[in-house]
N, C-alpha and C. Protein backbone atom coordinates (compact mmCIF):
# COMPACT_ATOMS: atom_id res chain seq x y z
N UNK A 1 -2.31 111.72 30.77
CA UNK A 1 -3.35 112.51 31.39
C UNK A 1 -4.44 112.81 30.37
N UNK A 2 -5.68 112.57 30.76
CA UNK A 2 -6.79 112.86 29.87
C UNK A 2 -7.18 114.33 29.99
N UNK A 3 -7.96 114.77 29.04
CA UNK A 3 -8.44 116.15 29.05
C UNK A 3 -9.24 116.43 30.33
N UNK A 4 -10.08 115.50 30.72
CA UNK A 4 -10.90 115.68 31.91
C UNK A 4 -10.03 115.74 33.17
N UNK A 5 -9.01 114.92 33.24
CA UNK A 5 -8.10 114.97 34.39
C UNK A 5 -7.39 116.32 34.48
N UNK A 6 -7.01 116.85 33.34
CA UNK A 6 -6.36 118.16 33.31
C UNK A 6 -7.30 119.24 33.82
N UNK A 7 -8.55 119.16 33.40
CA UNK A 7 -9.55 120.13 33.87
C UNK A 7 -9.77 120.01 35.37
N UNK A 8 -9.80 118.77 35.85
CA UNK A 8 -10.03 118.54 37.28
C UNK A 8 -8.91 119.13 38.13
N UNK A 9 -7.69 119.13 37.60
CA UNK A 9 -6.57 119.73 38.33
C UNK A 9 -6.85 121.20 38.60
N UNK A 10 -7.41 121.89 37.61
CA UNK A 10 -7.65 123.33 37.77
C UNK A 10 -8.85 123.60 38.67
N UNK A 11 -9.79 122.66 38.72
CA UNK A 11 -10.87 122.77 39.69
C UNK A 11 -10.31 122.65 41.11
N UNK A 12 -9.39 121.69 41.28
CA UNK A 12 -8.73 121.53 42.59
C UNK A 12 -7.87 122.73 42.92
N UNK A 13 -7.19 123.27 41.92
CA UNK A 13 -6.33 124.43 42.14
C UNK A 13 -7.15 125.64 42.56
N UNK A 14 -8.33 125.79 41.97
CA UNK A 14 -9.19 126.91 42.36
C UNK A 14 -9.61 126.79 43.81
N UNK A 15 -9.91 125.56 44.24
CA UNK A 15 -10.31 125.34 45.64
C UNK A 15 -9.14 125.54 46.59
N UNK A 16 -7.96 125.04 46.21
CA UNK A 16 -6.78 125.14 47.07
C UNK A 16 -6.35 126.59 47.24
N UNK A 17 -6.33 127.35 46.14
CA UNK A 17 -5.91 128.75 46.25
C UNK A 17 -6.94 129.57 47.01
N UNK A 18 -8.21 129.24 46.87
CA UNK A 18 -9.24 129.96 47.62
C UNK A 18 -9.06 129.73 49.12
N UNK A 19 -8.69 128.51 49.50
CA UNK A 19 -8.50 128.19 50.91
C UNK A 19 -7.29 128.90 51.49
N UNK A 20 -6.34 129.27 50.65
CA UNK A 20 -5.10 129.90 51.12
C UNK A 20 -4.99 131.37 50.70
N UNK A 21 -6.09 131.94 50.26
CA UNK A 21 -6.07 133.31 49.75
C UNK A 21 -5.42 134.30 50.73
N UNK A 22 -5.83 134.23 51.99
CA UNK A 22 -5.31 135.17 52.99
C UNK A 22 -3.82 134.93 53.24
N UNK A 23 -3.39 133.68 53.18
CA UNK A 23 -1.96 133.37 53.37
C UNK A 23 -1.12 134.01 52.28
N UNK A 24 -1.56 133.86 51.03
CA UNK A 24 -0.81 134.43 49.90
C UNK A 24 -0.73 135.96 50.02
N UNK A 25 -1.84 136.58 50.35
CA UNK A 25 -1.86 138.04 50.45
C UNK A 25 -0.97 138.53 51.60
N UNK A 26 -0.95 137.77 52.70
CA UNK A 26 -0.10 138.13 53.83
C UNK A 26 1.37 138.04 53.44
N UNK A 27 1.74 137.00 52.70
CA UNK A 27 3.11 136.87 52.21
C UNK A 27 3.47 138.02 51.28
N UNK A 28 2.54 138.34 50.40
CA UNK A 28 2.75 139.43 49.43
C UNK A 28 3.01 140.75 50.15
N UNK A 29 2.20 141.05 51.14
CA UNK A 29 2.35 142.29 51.89
C UNK A 29 3.65 142.30 52.69
N UNK A 30 3.99 141.16 53.28
CA UNK A 30 5.20 141.08 54.10
C UNK A 30 6.47 141.30 53.30
N UNK A 31 6.42 140.91 52.01
CA UNK A 31 7.60 141.05 51.15
C UNK A 31 7.63 142.40 50.44
N UNK A 32 6.66 143.26 50.72
CA UNK A 32 6.66 144.59 50.11
C UNK A 32 5.78 144.74 48.90
N UNK A 33 4.97 143.72 48.59
CA UNK A 33 4.07 143.81 47.46
C UNK A 33 2.78 144.53 47.81
N UNK A 34 1.81 144.45 46.91
CA UNK A 34 0.52 145.13 47.11
C UNK A 34 -0.36 144.43 48.13
N UNK A 35 -0.04 143.21 48.49
CA UNK A 35 -0.86 142.46 49.43
C UNK A 35 -2.12 141.91 48.81
N UNK A 36 -2.13 141.78 47.48
CA UNK A 36 -3.34 141.31 46.80
C UNK A 36 -3.12 140.03 46.00
N UNK A 37 -2.01 139.34 46.23
CA UNK A 37 -1.76 138.15 45.41
C UNK A 37 -2.81 137.07 45.64
N UNK A 38 -3.29 136.96 46.86
CA UNK A 38 -4.33 135.96 47.12
C UNK A 38 -5.54 136.16 46.23
N UNK A 39 -6.01 137.38 46.20
CA UNK A 39 -7.16 137.70 45.35
C UNK A 39 -6.85 137.45 43.88
N UNK A 40 -5.64 137.80 43.46
CA UNK A 40 -5.26 137.67 42.06
C UNK A 40 -5.17 136.22 41.61
N UNK A 41 -4.54 135.36 42.43
CA UNK A 41 -4.38 133.97 42.01
C UNK A 41 -5.69 133.20 42.13
N UNK A 42 -6.53 133.56 43.07
CA UNK A 42 -7.84 132.93 43.18
C UNK A 42 -8.68 133.26 41.93
N UNK A 43 -8.65 134.51 41.52
CA UNK A 43 -9.39 134.91 40.32
C UNK A 43 -8.85 134.19 39.09
N UNK A 44 -7.53 134.05 39.02
CA UNK A 44 -6.92 133.39 37.86
C UNK A 44 -7.28 131.91 37.81
N UNK A 45 -7.19 131.21 38.93
CA UNK A 45 -7.50 129.78 38.92
C UNK A 45 -8.99 129.52 38.70
N UNK A 46 -9.84 130.42 39.18
CA UNK A 46 -11.28 130.29 38.90
C UNK A 46 -11.53 130.44 37.40
N UNK A 47 -10.84 131.38 36.77
CA UNK A 47 -10.99 131.58 35.33
C UNK A 47 -10.50 130.36 34.57
N UNK A 48 -9.40 129.78 35.00
CA UNK A 48 -8.86 128.60 34.34
C UNK A 48 -9.80 127.41 34.50
N UNK A 49 -10.40 127.27 35.68
CA UNK A 49 -11.31 126.16 35.93
C UNK A 49 -12.61 126.28 35.13
N UNK A 50 -12.94 127.51 34.73
CA UNK A 50 -14.18 127.74 33.98
C UNK A 50 -14.03 127.50 32.48
N UNK A 51 -12.81 127.28 32.03
CA UNK A 51 -12.57 127.10 30.60
C UNK A 51 -13.19 125.81 30.08
N UNK A 52 -13.48 125.81 28.79
CA UNK A 52 -14.09 124.64 28.16
C UNK A 52 -13.38 124.34 26.84
N UNK A 53 -13.43 123.09 26.45
CA UNK A 53 -12.83 122.70 25.17
C UNK A 53 -12.97 121.21 24.95
N UNK A 54 -12.95 120.80 23.69
CA UNK A 54 -13.11 119.39 23.34
C UNK A 54 -11.78 118.66 23.17
N UNK A 55 -10.70 119.42 23.17
CA UNK A 55 -9.36 118.84 23.13
C UNK A 55 -8.42 119.79 23.86
N UNK A 56 -7.18 119.36 24.01
CA UNK A 56 -6.25 120.18 24.79
C UNK A 56 -6.04 121.56 24.17
N UNK A 57 -5.96 121.61 22.86
CA UNK A 57 -5.72 122.89 22.20
C UNK A 57 -6.84 123.87 22.46
N UNK A 58 -8.08 123.43 22.26
CA UNK A 58 -9.22 124.34 22.44
C UNK A 58 -9.40 124.69 23.92
N UNK A 59 -9.11 123.74 24.82
CA UNK A 59 -9.22 124.04 26.25
C UNK A 59 -8.19 125.07 26.67
N UNK A 60 -6.96 124.91 26.23
CA UNK A 60 -5.91 125.85 26.57
C UNK A 60 -6.20 127.24 25.99
N UNK A 61 -6.73 127.26 24.77
CA UNK A 61 -7.10 128.54 24.16
C UNK A 61 -8.23 129.20 24.95
N UNK A 62 -9.16 128.38 25.45
CA UNK A 62 -10.25 128.90 26.27
C UNK A 62 -9.71 129.44 27.60
N UNK A 63 -8.72 128.77 28.14
CA UNK A 63 -8.10 129.25 29.38
C UNK A 63 -7.50 130.64 29.19
N UNK A 64 -6.80 130.82 28.09
CA UNK A 64 -6.21 132.13 27.78
C UNK A 64 -7.31 133.17 27.65
N UNK A 65 -8.37 132.83 26.93
CA UNK A 65 -9.47 133.77 26.72
C UNK A 65 -10.14 134.16 28.03
N UNK A 66 -10.33 133.19 28.91
CA UNK A 66 -10.95 133.47 30.21
C UNK A 66 -10.06 134.37 31.07
N UNK A 67 -8.76 134.12 31.04
CA UNK A 67 -7.85 134.97 31.80
C UNK A 67 -7.87 136.40 31.28
N UNK A 68 -7.96 136.54 29.96
CA UNK A 68 -7.95 137.88 29.36
C UNK A 68 -9.24 138.63 29.61
N UNK A 69 -10.36 137.92 29.63
CA UNK A 69 -11.66 138.59 29.75
C UNK A 69 -12.16 138.72 31.18
N UNK A 70 -11.77 137.76 32.04
CA UNK A 70 -12.34 137.72 33.39
C UNK A 70 -11.45 138.33 34.47
N UNK A 71 -10.15 138.45 34.18
CA UNK A 71 -9.19 138.84 35.21
C UNK A 71 -8.24 139.89 34.66
N UNK A 72 -7.78 140.78 35.52
CA UNK A 72 -6.78 141.76 35.13
C UNK A 72 -5.59 141.67 36.08
N UNK A 73 -4.47 142.25 35.68
CA UNK A 73 -3.30 142.25 36.54
C UNK A 73 -2.18 141.37 36.02
N UNK A 74 -1.02 141.49 36.65
CA UNK A 74 0.17 140.80 36.17
C UNK A 74 0.07 139.28 36.33
N UNK A 75 -0.57 138.82 37.39
CA UNK A 75 -0.67 137.37 37.61
C UNK A 75 -1.40 136.69 36.46
N UNK A 76 -2.56 137.22 36.09
CA UNK A 76 -3.33 136.62 35.01
C UNK A 76 -2.61 136.76 33.68
N UNK A 77 -1.90 137.86 33.48
CA UNK A 77 -1.17 138.07 32.22
C UNK A 77 -0.05 137.05 32.07
N UNK A 78 0.68 136.79 33.16
CA UNK A 78 1.78 135.84 33.10
C UNK A 78 1.27 134.41 32.88
N UNK A 79 0.21 134.03 33.60
CA UNK A 79 -0.36 132.71 33.39
C UNK A 79 -0.97 132.60 32.00
N UNK A 80 -1.55 133.68 31.52
CA UNK A 80 -2.10 133.68 30.17
C UNK A 80 -1.04 133.42 29.12
N UNK A 81 0.12 134.04 29.30
CA UNK A 81 1.22 133.83 28.36
C UNK A 81 1.71 132.39 28.42
N UNK A 82 1.78 131.83 29.63
CA UNK A 82 2.18 130.44 29.80
C UNK A 82 1.26 129.51 29.02
N UNK A 83 -0.05 129.70 29.18
CA UNK A 83 -1.01 128.83 28.51
C UNK A 83 -1.11 129.10 27.02
N UNK A 84 -0.81 130.32 26.63
CA UNK A 84 -0.78 130.62 25.20
C UNK A 84 0.33 129.82 24.52
N UNK A 85 1.49 129.78 25.16
CA UNK A 85 2.58 128.99 24.62
C UNK A 85 2.26 127.51 24.57
N UNK A 86 1.54 127.03 25.58
CA UNK A 86 1.14 125.63 25.60
C UNK A 86 0.13 125.33 24.50
N UNK A 87 -0.82 126.24 24.30
CA UNK A 87 -1.84 126.05 23.27
C UNK A 87 -1.22 125.99 21.88
N UNK A 88 -0.22 126.82 21.65
CA UNK A 88 0.44 126.85 20.34
C UNK A 88 1.23 125.58 20.07
N UNK A 89 1.63 124.89 21.15
CA UNK A 89 2.53 123.75 21.00
C UNK A 89 1.82 122.40 20.85
N UNK A 90 0.52 122.36 21.10
CA UNK A 90 -0.19 121.08 21.06
C UNK A 90 -1.01 120.97 19.79
N UNK A 91 -1.06 119.76 19.23
CA UNK A 91 -1.83 119.53 18.01
C UNK A 91 -3.32 119.48 18.32
N UNK A 92 -4.12 119.99 17.39
CA UNK A 92 -5.57 119.93 17.53
C UNK A 92 -6.03 118.47 17.55
N UNK A 93 -7.07 118.21 18.33
CA UNK A 93 -7.63 116.86 18.39
C UNK A 93 -7.10 116.00 19.51
N UNK A 94 -6.03 116.44 20.17
CA UNK A 94 -5.45 115.67 21.26
C UNK A 94 -6.34 115.73 22.50
N UNK A 95 -6.77 114.58 22.99
CA UNK A 95 -7.59 114.53 24.20
C UNK A 95 -6.89 113.77 25.33
N UNK A 96 -5.69 113.27 25.06
CA UNK A 96 -4.90 112.59 26.08
C UNK A 96 -3.42 112.80 25.74
N UNK A 97 -2.62 113.07 26.77
CA UNK A 97 -1.20 113.32 26.57
C UNK A 97 -0.36 112.41 27.46
N UNK A 98 0.73 111.91 26.91
CA UNK A 98 1.66 111.10 27.69
C UNK A 98 2.48 112.00 28.59
N UNK A 99 3.22 111.41 29.51
CA UNK A 99 4.08 112.19 30.41
C UNK A 99 5.09 113.03 29.63
N UNK A 100 5.81 112.46 28.66
CA UNK A 100 6.75 113.28 27.89
C UNK A 100 6.06 114.41 27.11
N UNK A 101 4.85 114.14 26.60
CA UNK A 101 4.12 115.18 25.88
C UNK A 101 3.71 116.32 26.81
N UNK A 102 3.30 115.97 28.03
CA UNK A 102 2.94 116.99 29.02
C UNK A 102 4.16 117.82 29.39
N UNK A 103 5.30 117.16 29.57
CA UNK A 103 6.53 117.87 29.90
C UNK A 103 6.90 118.84 28.78
N UNK A 104 6.79 118.38 27.54
CA UNK A 104 7.09 119.24 26.39
C UNK A 104 6.13 120.42 26.33
N UNK A 105 4.87 120.16 26.68
CA UNK A 105 3.85 121.20 26.62
C UNK A 105 4.16 122.32 27.62
N UNK A 106 4.47 121.95 28.84
CA UNK A 106 4.80 122.96 29.85
C UNK A 106 6.11 123.68 29.50
N UNK A 107 7.04 122.94 28.92
CA UNK A 107 8.30 123.56 28.52
C UNK A 107 8.07 124.62 27.44
N UNK A 108 7.15 124.34 26.52
CA UNK A 108 6.81 125.30 25.48
C UNK A 108 6.16 126.54 26.09
N UNK A 109 5.30 126.33 27.08
CA UNK A 109 4.68 127.46 27.76
C UNK A 109 5.69 128.30 28.48
N UNK A 110 6.64 127.66 29.15
CA UNK A 110 7.70 128.38 29.86
C UNK A 110 8.57 129.17 28.90
N UNK A 111 8.85 128.58 27.74
CA UNK A 111 9.64 129.29 26.74
C UNK A 111 8.92 130.57 26.27
N UNK A 112 7.62 130.45 26.05
CA UNK A 112 6.82 131.61 25.65
C UNK A 112 6.83 132.66 26.75
N UNK A 113 6.72 132.21 27.98
CA UNK A 113 6.71 133.13 29.12
C UNK A 113 8.02 133.89 29.24
N UNK A 114 9.10 133.26 28.78
CA UNK A 114 10.40 133.91 28.83
C UNK A 114 10.47 135.17 27.99
N UNK A 115 9.58 135.28 27.00
CA UNK A 115 9.54 136.49 26.18
C UNK A 115 8.78 137.62 26.89
N UNK A 116 7.97 137.25 27.88
CA UNK A 116 7.13 138.24 28.57
C UNK A 116 7.76 138.73 29.87
N UNK A 117 8.57 137.90 30.49
CA UNK A 117 9.23 138.30 31.74
C UNK A 117 10.69 137.88 31.69
N UNK A 118 11.52 138.73 32.20
CA UNK A 118 12.95 138.41 32.25
C UNK A 118 13.32 137.77 33.59
N UNK A 119 12.32 137.54 34.44
CA UNK A 119 12.58 136.96 35.76
C UNK A 119 13.15 135.55 35.62
N UNK A 120 14.14 135.26 36.42
CA UNK A 120 14.78 133.95 36.45
C UNK A 120 14.80 133.44 37.89
N UNK A 121 15.29 132.22 38.06
CA UNK A 121 15.48 131.68 39.41
C UNK A 121 16.45 132.59 40.16
N UNK A 122 16.05 132.98 41.37
CA UNK A 122 16.88 133.86 42.17
C UNK A 122 16.36 135.28 42.24
N UNK A 123 15.30 135.57 41.47
CA UNK A 123 14.75 136.93 41.44
C UNK A 123 13.58 137.13 42.40
N UNK A 124 13.20 136.08 43.14
CA UNK A 124 12.09 136.13 44.11
C UNK A 124 10.77 136.43 43.41
N UNK A 125 10.41 135.56 42.47
CA UNK A 125 9.11 135.64 41.79
C UNK A 125 8.55 134.22 41.67
N UNK A 126 7.39 134.10 41.03
CA UNK A 126 6.81 132.76 40.87
C UNK A 126 7.66 131.88 39.95
N UNK A 127 8.57 132.50 39.21
CA UNK A 127 9.47 131.72 38.36
C UNK A 127 10.41 130.84 39.19
N UNK A 128 10.63 131.21 40.45
CA UNK A 128 11.47 130.39 41.32
C UNK A 128 10.83 129.04 41.62
N UNK A 129 9.52 128.95 41.46
CA UNK A 129 8.82 127.67 41.58
C UNK A 129 8.57 127.04 40.22
N UNK A 130 8.16 127.87 39.25
CA UNK A 130 7.77 127.35 37.94
C UNK A 130 8.95 126.74 37.18
N UNK A 131 10.09 127.44 37.13
CA UNK A 131 11.21 126.94 36.35
C UNK A 131 11.72 125.60 36.88
N UNK A 132 11.97 125.45 38.19
CA UNK A 132 12.40 124.13 38.69
C UNK A 132 11.36 123.03 38.45
N UNK A 133 10.08 123.40 38.53
CA UNK A 133 9.03 122.41 38.31
C UNK A 133 9.06 121.88 36.88
N UNK A 134 9.17 122.79 35.92
CA UNK A 134 9.20 122.37 34.51
C UNK A 134 10.48 121.59 34.21
N UNK A 135 11.58 122.00 34.80
CA UNK A 135 12.82 121.24 34.62
C UNK A 135 12.67 119.82 35.19
N UNK A 136 11.97 119.69 36.31
CA UNK A 136 11.72 118.37 36.90
C UNK A 136 10.82 117.53 36.01
N UNK A 137 9.83 118.16 35.38
CA UNK A 137 8.98 117.43 34.44
C UNK A 137 9.82 116.80 33.34
N UNK A 138 10.69 117.59 32.76
CA UNK A 138 11.53 117.11 31.66
C UNK A 138 12.47 115.99 32.15
N UNK A 139 13.02 116.18 33.34
CA UNK A 139 14.00 115.21 33.86
C UNK A 139 13.37 113.87 34.24
N UNK A 140 12.09 113.90 34.63
CA UNK A 140 11.45 112.68 35.15
C UNK A 140 10.33 112.15 34.26
N UNK A 141 10.15 112.71 33.08
CA UNK A 141 9.05 112.30 32.20
C UNK A 141 9.08 110.82 31.86
N UNK A 142 10.28 110.27 31.70
CA UNK A 142 10.41 108.86 31.33
C UNK A 142 9.95 107.93 32.45
N UNK A 143 9.83 108.45 33.68
CA UNK A 143 9.43 107.62 34.81
C UNK A 143 7.91 107.51 34.93
N UNK A 144 7.18 108.26 34.12
CA UNK A 144 5.73 108.21 34.16
C UNK A 144 5.13 109.44 34.81
N UNK A 145 3.85 109.59 34.60
CA UNK A 145 3.15 110.80 35.02
C UNK A 145 3.20 111.04 36.53
N UNK A 146 2.94 110.01 37.33
CA UNK A 146 2.90 110.19 38.78
C UNK A 146 4.25 110.64 39.32
N UNK A 147 5.31 109.95 38.90
CA UNK A 147 6.65 110.31 39.37
C UNK A 147 7.05 111.69 38.87
N UNK A 148 6.68 112.00 37.65
CA UNK A 148 7.02 113.29 37.05
C UNK A 148 6.40 114.45 37.82
N UNK A 149 5.11 114.36 38.12
CA UNK A 149 4.44 115.44 38.82
C UNK A 149 4.84 115.50 40.29
N UNK A 150 5.17 114.36 40.88
CA UNK A 150 5.67 114.37 42.26
C UNK A 150 6.99 115.12 42.32
N UNK A 151 7.85 114.89 41.33
CA UNK A 151 9.14 115.57 41.27
C UNK A 151 8.94 117.06 41.03
N UNK A 152 8.00 117.40 40.17
CA UNK A 152 7.73 118.81 39.88
C UNK A 152 7.21 119.54 41.11
N UNK A 153 6.31 118.89 41.85
CA UNK A 153 5.75 119.51 43.05
C UNK A 153 6.84 119.72 44.10
N UNK A 154 7.72 118.74 44.26
CA UNK A 154 8.81 118.86 45.23
C UNK A 154 9.78 119.97 44.83
N UNK A 155 10.07 120.06 43.54
CA UNK A 155 10.99 121.08 43.04
C UNK A 155 10.39 122.48 43.21
N UNK A 156 9.09 122.59 42.93
CA UNK A 156 8.43 123.89 43.07
C UNK A 156 8.41 124.33 44.53
N UNK A 157 8.13 123.41 45.43
CA UNK A 157 8.10 123.75 46.85
C UNK A 157 9.47 124.19 47.34
N UNK A 158 10.51 123.44 46.94
CA UNK A 158 11.87 123.81 47.35
C UNK A 158 12.26 125.17 46.77
N UNK A 159 11.88 125.40 45.52
CA UNK A 159 12.18 126.68 44.89
C UNK A 159 11.47 127.82 45.57
N UNK A 160 10.22 127.59 45.95
CA UNK A 160 9.45 128.63 46.63
C UNK A 160 10.05 128.94 48.00
N UNK A 161 10.36 127.90 48.75
CA UNK A 161 10.91 128.11 50.09
C UNK A 161 12.26 128.83 50.04
N UNK A 162 13.00 128.62 48.97
CA UNK A 162 14.30 129.28 48.83
C UNK A 162 14.17 130.79 48.65
N UNK A 163 12.99 131.25 48.22
CA UNK A 163 12.82 132.70 47.99
C UNK A 163 12.87 133.49 49.29
N UNK A 164 12.73 132.83 50.42
CA UNK A 164 12.79 133.53 51.70
C UNK A 164 14.14 134.21 51.89
N UNK A 165 15.17 133.63 51.28
CA UNK A 165 16.52 134.18 51.44
C UNK A 165 16.90 135.12 50.30
N UNK A 166 15.94 135.43 49.44
CA UNK A 166 16.24 136.26 48.27
C UNK A 166 15.77 137.70 48.44
N UNK A 167 16.43 138.58 47.70
CA UNK A 167 16.00 139.97 47.62
C UNK A 167 15.20 140.15 46.35
N UNK A 168 14.03 140.77 46.46
CA UNK A 168 13.15 140.92 45.31
C UNK A 168 13.76 141.82 44.24
N UNK A 169 13.60 141.42 42.99
CA UNK A 169 14.14 142.20 41.87
C UNK A 169 13.05 142.66 40.90
N UNK A 170 11.79 142.33 41.21
CA UNK A 170 10.68 142.72 40.35
C UNK A 170 9.52 143.23 41.20
N UNK A 171 8.65 143.99 40.59
CA UNK A 171 7.45 144.47 41.27
C UNK A 171 7.74 145.49 42.35
N UNK A 172 6.70 145.81 43.11
CA UNK A 172 6.85 146.78 44.20
C UNK A 172 7.85 146.33 45.25
N UNK A 173 7.96 145.03 45.44
CA UNK A 173 8.83 144.49 46.48
C UNK A 173 10.29 144.89 46.26
N UNK A 174 10.69 145.10 45.01
CA UNK A 174 12.10 145.44 44.76
C UNK A 174 12.48 146.78 45.38
N UNK A 175 11.49 147.63 45.65
CA UNK A 175 11.76 148.93 46.25
C UNK A 175 12.24 148.82 47.69
N UNK A 176 11.98 147.66 48.32
CA UNK A 176 12.41 147.45 49.70
C UNK A 176 13.88 147.06 49.81
N UNK A 177 14.46 146.66 48.69
CA UNK A 177 15.84 146.23 48.74
C UNK A 177 16.03 145.04 49.66
N UNK A 178 17.01 145.12 50.54
CA UNK A 178 17.33 144.00 51.44
C UNK A 178 16.19 143.69 52.41
N UNK A 179 15.30 144.65 52.62
CA UNK A 179 14.18 144.43 53.53
C UNK A 179 13.16 143.44 52.97
N UNK A 180 13.26 143.12 51.68
CA UNK A 180 12.35 142.12 51.10
C UNK A 180 12.78 140.70 51.44
N UNK A 181 13.98 140.56 52.00
CA UNK A 181 14.47 139.24 52.40
C UNK A 181 13.73 138.79 53.66
N UNK A 182 13.32 137.55 53.69
CA UNK A 182 12.62 137.01 54.87
C UNK A 182 11.38 136.22 54.50
N UNK A 183 10.35 136.90 53.98
CA UNK A 183 9.13 136.17 53.60
C UNK A 183 9.32 135.38 52.30
N UNK A 184 8.60 134.30 52.18
CA UNK A 184 8.54 133.55 50.92
C UNK A 184 7.76 134.37 49.91
N UNK A 185 8.17 134.33 48.64
CA UNK A 185 7.44 135.02 47.60
C UNK A 185 6.05 134.41 47.43
N UNK A 186 5.05 135.26 47.44
CA UNK A 186 3.66 134.79 47.37
C UNK A 186 3.34 134.06 46.07
N UNK A 187 3.81 134.60 44.96
CA UNK A 187 3.54 133.97 43.67
C UNK A 187 4.16 132.59 43.56
N UNK A 188 5.35 132.43 44.13
CA UNK A 188 5.98 131.11 44.11
C UNK A 188 5.23 130.14 45.02
N UNK A 189 4.70 130.64 46.13
CA UNK A 189 3.95 129.79 47.05
C UNK A 189 2.68 129.25 46.40
N UNK A 190 1.95 130.12 45.71
CA UNK A 190 0.72 129.67 45.06
C UNK A 190 1.03 128.74 43.89
N UNK A 191 2.11 129.01 43.17
CA UNK A 191 2.48 128.13 42.06
C UNK A 191 2.85 126.75 42.58
N UNK A 192 3.57 126.70 43.70
CA UNK A 192 3.93 125.41 44.29
C UNK A 192 2.68 124.62 44.68
N UNK A 193 1.67 125.32 45.18
CA UNK A 193 0.42 124.65 45.55
C UNK A 193 -0.30 124.10 44.32
N UNK A 194 -0.20 124.81 43.21
CA UNK A 194 -0.82 124.33 41.97
C UNK A 194 -0.14 123.05 41.49
N UNK A 195 1.18 123.02 41.58
CA UNK A 195 1.88 121.79 41.19
C UNK A 195 1.51 120.63 42.11
N UNK A 196 1.23 120.93 43.36
CA UNK A 196 0.78 119.89 44.28
C UNK A 196 -0.55 119.29 43.81
N UNK A 197 -1.40 120.12 43.23
CA UNK A 197 -2.68 119.61 42.69
C UNK A 197 -2.43 118.62 41.56
N UNK A 198 -1.41 118.89 40.73
CA UNK A 198 -1.07 117.93 39.67
C UNK A 198 -0.55 116.63 40.26
N UNK A 199 0.25 116.73 41.32
CA UNK A 199 0.82 115.53 41.94
C UNK A 199 -0.25 114.70 42.63
N UNK A 200 -1.31 115.35 43.11
CA UNK A 200 -2.35 114.65 43.88
C UNK A 200 -3.48 114.11 43.00
N UNK A 201 -3.53 114.48 41.74
CA UNK A 201 -4.67 114.08 40.92
C UNK A 201 -4.65 112.59 40.58
């Protein structure tokens, strides 16, 4: 994947999340959240799409800076931590990454994110989509970029859909207890859509 292709994914992600903003917020409200995830993820993806850089490292660092300066809230903080871990893991000057390098990059971001949130698969958060997606990247990297991202998108979607049967353990939704079971987690739904943008690029 070239640097420009990576940037284009986030332009597509900004458009896709904007088109589904009301859906995400409705899911968020139904599960007992603030009902503002649509607004939050749209703001985050717009900030990511606005980032600039001459290589992957500088672009990722710019993404973190844009999230910190342009957006507030837990969604932007979590994505910021993800990209901070990715920025730290890539060498300066890289303008193109192989499938295994991309998988390693996302894995490094996920590892960094693990220090910021204790959420795991089964907790009804966006990690239910993100963790399976990154695991799929690692498992399918040898098959090439297209197969790798297709597997990640499928894993993220399955992980997101599985949250419908989960009880929330984080955020305002956890206060509902068993009543949070039913709706898909909004953060996992938007994350699954972002992985779809990678698969479609």
